[in-house]
Protein backbone atom coordinates (compact mmCIF):
# COMPACT_ATOMS: atom_id res chain seq x y z
CA MET A 1 89.10 -64.00 124.26
CA PRO A 2 91.55 -66.96 124.21
CA ARG A 3 93.77 -67.36 127.26
CA LYS A 4 97.34 -68.65 127.35
CA ILE A 5 98.89 -70.99 129.89
CA SER A 6 101.07 -68.12 131.19
CA THR A 7 97.95 -66.07 131.95
CA LEU A 8 96.36 -68.92 133.88
CA LEU A 9 99.54 -69.59 135.85
CA ASN A 10 100.22 -65.88 136.30
CA VAL A 11 103.78 -66.13 134.97
CA HIS A 12 105.60 -64.42 132.12
CA SER A 13 105.70 -66.23 128.78
CA LYS A 14 109.54 -65.95 128.79
CA GLU A 15 109.66 -67.85 132.08
CA LEU A 16 107.84 -70.78 130.48
CA GLU A 17 110.02 -70.57 127.39
CA LEU A 18 113.18 -70.83 129.50
CA LYS A 19 111.83 -74.06 130.97
CA GLY A 20 110.98 -75.43 127.53
CA VAL A 21 107.23 -75.07 128.06
CA PHE A 22 105.05 -74.16 125.09
CA ASP A 23 102.83 -71.24 126.09
CA GLY A 24 99.80 -72.40 124.17
CA PHE A 25 96.21 -71.37 124.38
CA VAL A 26 93.93 -73.28 126.73
CA ASP A 27 90.66 -72.27 125.05
CA ILE A 28 91.44 -73.04 121.41
CA ASP A 29 93.51 -75.61 119.58
CA ALA A 30 97.04 -74.90 118.44
CA ARG A 31 97.60 -76.03 114.86
CA LEU A 32 100.09 -78.65 116.06
CA HIS A 33 99.96 -82.44 115.98
CA VAL A 34 101.81 -85.42 117.39
CA ASP A 35 103.41 -87.31 114.49
CA PRO A 36 103.94 -90.94 115.55
CA SER A 37 106.68 -91.45 112.94
CA LEU A 38 108.86 -88.94 114.80
CA LEU A 39 108.64 -90.79 118.11
CA CYS A 40 111.43 -93.21 117.17
CA ARG A 41 113.89 -90.27 117.17
CA SER A 42 112.84 -88.81 120.52
CA LYS A 43 115.62 -88.17 123.01
CA ILE A 44 113.16 -87.23 125.74
CA PRO A 45 113.49 -89.95 128.40
CA GLU A 46 109.73 -90.36 128.87
CA PHE A 47 109.31 -90.94 125.11
CA GLU A 48 112.41 -92.98 124.23
CA LYS A 49 110.45 -96.23 123.98
CA SER A 50 107.14 -94.66 122.97
CA TYR A 51 107.37 -95.67 119.31
CA ASP A 52 107.74 -99.30 120.37
CA LYS A 53 104.68 -98.90 122.59
CA PHE A 54 102.77 -97.33 119.68
CA LYS A 55 103.77 -100.15 117.28
CA ASN A 56 102.99 -102.84 119.86
CA TYR A 57 99.47 -101.47 120.25
CA PHE A 58 98.89 -101.99 116.55
CA ASN A 59 100.76 -105.29 116.37
CA GLU A 60 98.17 -106.62 118.82
CA ILE A 61 95.38 -105.35 116.57
CA LEU A 62 97.03 -106.96 113.54
CA ALA A 63 97.23 -110.29 115.38
CA ILE A 64 93.50 -110.08 116.10
CA LEU A 65 92.71 -109.01 112.51
CA LYS A 66 94.37 -112.18 111.21
CA ARG A 67 91.74 -114.18 113.11
CA VAL A 68 88.68 -112.39 111.69
CA GLN A 69 86.50 -114.92 109.88
CA ALA A 70 83.32 -112.93 109.29
CA PRO A 71 82.08 -109.36 109.52
CA ASN A 72 81.24 -108.48 113.09
CA ASP A 73 82.56 -111.70 114.61
CA ILE A 74 84.16 -111.50 118.04
CA PHE A 75 87.58 -110.68 116.59
CA HIS A 76 86.24 -107.96 114.28
CA ARG A 77 84.32 -106.40 117.18
CA GLU A 78 87.45 -106.40 119.33
CA VAL A 79 89.46 -104.66 116.61
CA LYS A 80 86.77 -101.99 116.26
CA ARG A 81 86.72 -101.50 120.04
CA ARG A 82 90.49 -100.97 120.08
CA LEU A 83 90.28 -98.47 117.22
CA ILE A 84 87.88 -96.13 119.02
CA PHE A 85 89.80 -93.21 120.49
CA GLU A 86 88.36 -90.31 122.40
CA GLU A 87 90.19 -87.03 122.22
CA ILE A 88 92.06 -86.38 125.44
CA GLY A 89 90.65 -83.14 126.78
CA TYR A 90 92.76 -80.02 127.10
CA THR A 91 95.63 -81.15 124.90
CA ALA A 92 94.61 -78.17 122.73
CA LEU A 93 96.06 -79.69 119.57
CA GLY A 94 94.18 -79.82 116.30
CA TYR A 95 91.83 -77.74 114.20
CA SER A 96 89.01 -76.67 116.51
CA LYS A 97 88.42 -72.92 116.40
CA ARG A 98 85.87 -72.91 119.20
CA GLY A 99 87.19 -74.65 122.23
CA VAL A 100 89.44 -77.66 122.62
CA ALA A 101 86.93 -80.49 122.26
CA GLY A 102 87.31 -82.69 119.21
CA ASN A 103 86.01 -85.81 117.58
CA ALA A 104 88.94 -88.23 117.57
CA ILE A 105 87.86 -91.65 116.24
CA GLY A 106 84.36 -92.85 117.01
CA PRO A 107 82.61 -96.16 116.26
CA LYS A 108 81.81 -95.39 112.61
CA LEU A 109 85.36 -94.38 111.69
CA ALA A 110 86.75 -97.25 113.76
CA ASN A 111 84.60 -99.65 111.75
CA ASN A 112 85.84 -98.13 108.47
CA ILE A 113 89.47 -98.40 109.59
CA ALA A 114 88.94 -101.98 110.78
CA ASN A 115 87.45 -102.98 107.42
CA THR A 116 90.14 -101.23 105.40
CA THR A 117 93.01 -102.65 107.43
CA LEU A 118 91.41 -106.09 107.26
CA GLU A 119 91.53 -105.86 103.45
CA ILE A 120 95.18 -104.80 103.62
CA VAL A 121 96.06 -107.65 106.00
CA ARG A 122 94.26 -110.18 103.77
CA ALA A 123 96.29 -108.82 100.85
CA GLY A 124 99.43 -109.80 102.77
CA LEU A 125 100.68 -106.57 104.33
CA ILE A 126 100.98 -107.10 108.07
CA ASP A 127 102.89 -104.14 109.43
CA PRO A 128 101.87 -101.66 112.15
CA ILE A 129 102.90 -98.79 109.87
CA ILE A 130 99.51 -99.33 108.18
CA PHE A 131 97.96 -97.33 111.01
CA GLU A 132 100.29 -94.38 110.44
CA LEU A 133 99.19 -94.37 106.79
CA VAL A 134 95.45 -94.40 107.50
CA PRO A 135 95.02 -90.80 106.23
CA PHE A 136 96.09 -91.96 102.77
CA PHE A 137 93.40 -94.59 102.41
CA GLU A 138 90.60 -93.49 104.71
CA GLU A 139 88.45 -90.37 104.32
CA ARG A 140 88.01 -88.01 107.28
CA ILE A 141 91.24 -89.21 108.89
CA GLY A 142 94.12 -86.76 108.96
CA ALA A 143 96.94 -85.50 111.11
CA ASP A 144 94.53 -84.31 113.82
CA ARG A 145 92.93 -87.72 114.36
CA ILE A 146 96.24 -89.59 114.07
CA SER A 147 97.57 -87.22 116.74
CA ASP A 148 94.54 -87.88 118.97
CA MET A 149 95.05 -91.62 118.53
CA THR A 150 98.76 -91.35 119.34
CA ILE A 151 98.14 -89.28 122.46
CA ALA A 152 95.48 -91.74 123.66
CA ILE A 153 97.86 -94.69 123.24
CA LEU A 154 100.75 -92.84 124.91
CA ILE A 155 98.79 -90.97 127.59
CA SER A 156 100.92 -92.43 130.39
CA ASN A 157 104.08 -91.12 128.66
CA PHE A 158 102.57 -87.64 128.36
CA LEU A 159 101.48 -87.68 131.99
CA GLU A 160 104.92 -88.80 133.13
CA PHE A 161 106.56 -86.09 131.00
CA THR A 162 104.33 -83.31 132.32
CA HIS A 163 104.74 -84.53 135.90
CA TYR A 164 108.52 -84.19 135.82
CA HIS A 165 108.78 -81.05 133.73
């Protein structure tokens, strides 16, 4: 049977709610996601500059992509490495119905994304928003994986937020 945070902490759900804490399940995923496009509007101090951090991560990838000369050259390999994201355990966000472990973005999907974004960059679009739009041009990428990617990039922001709240 799924357990909630309040059960683990032995507090009432209302107590968490009063503190602004989501009383989610710890054994199964909530059907929630982190949408990177909403970060620019965050008024939470730990996330006020998070969208810039998110964009900068991908601006660096775009700069490397512009240098790719051949498939699997040093620049292409570096882009693929930076596009691999493991799901951060116990965030409990996503679609899993049995547990909280997920797939995030592994080497195969990272390679697909690298190749697709390389095509887009070579066509002249060099904007970090490309990576927010990946679900529209890449199969098997949706809100869950974009959320995993965003959390991985902003893990220090999430840790700082949870530390002070």
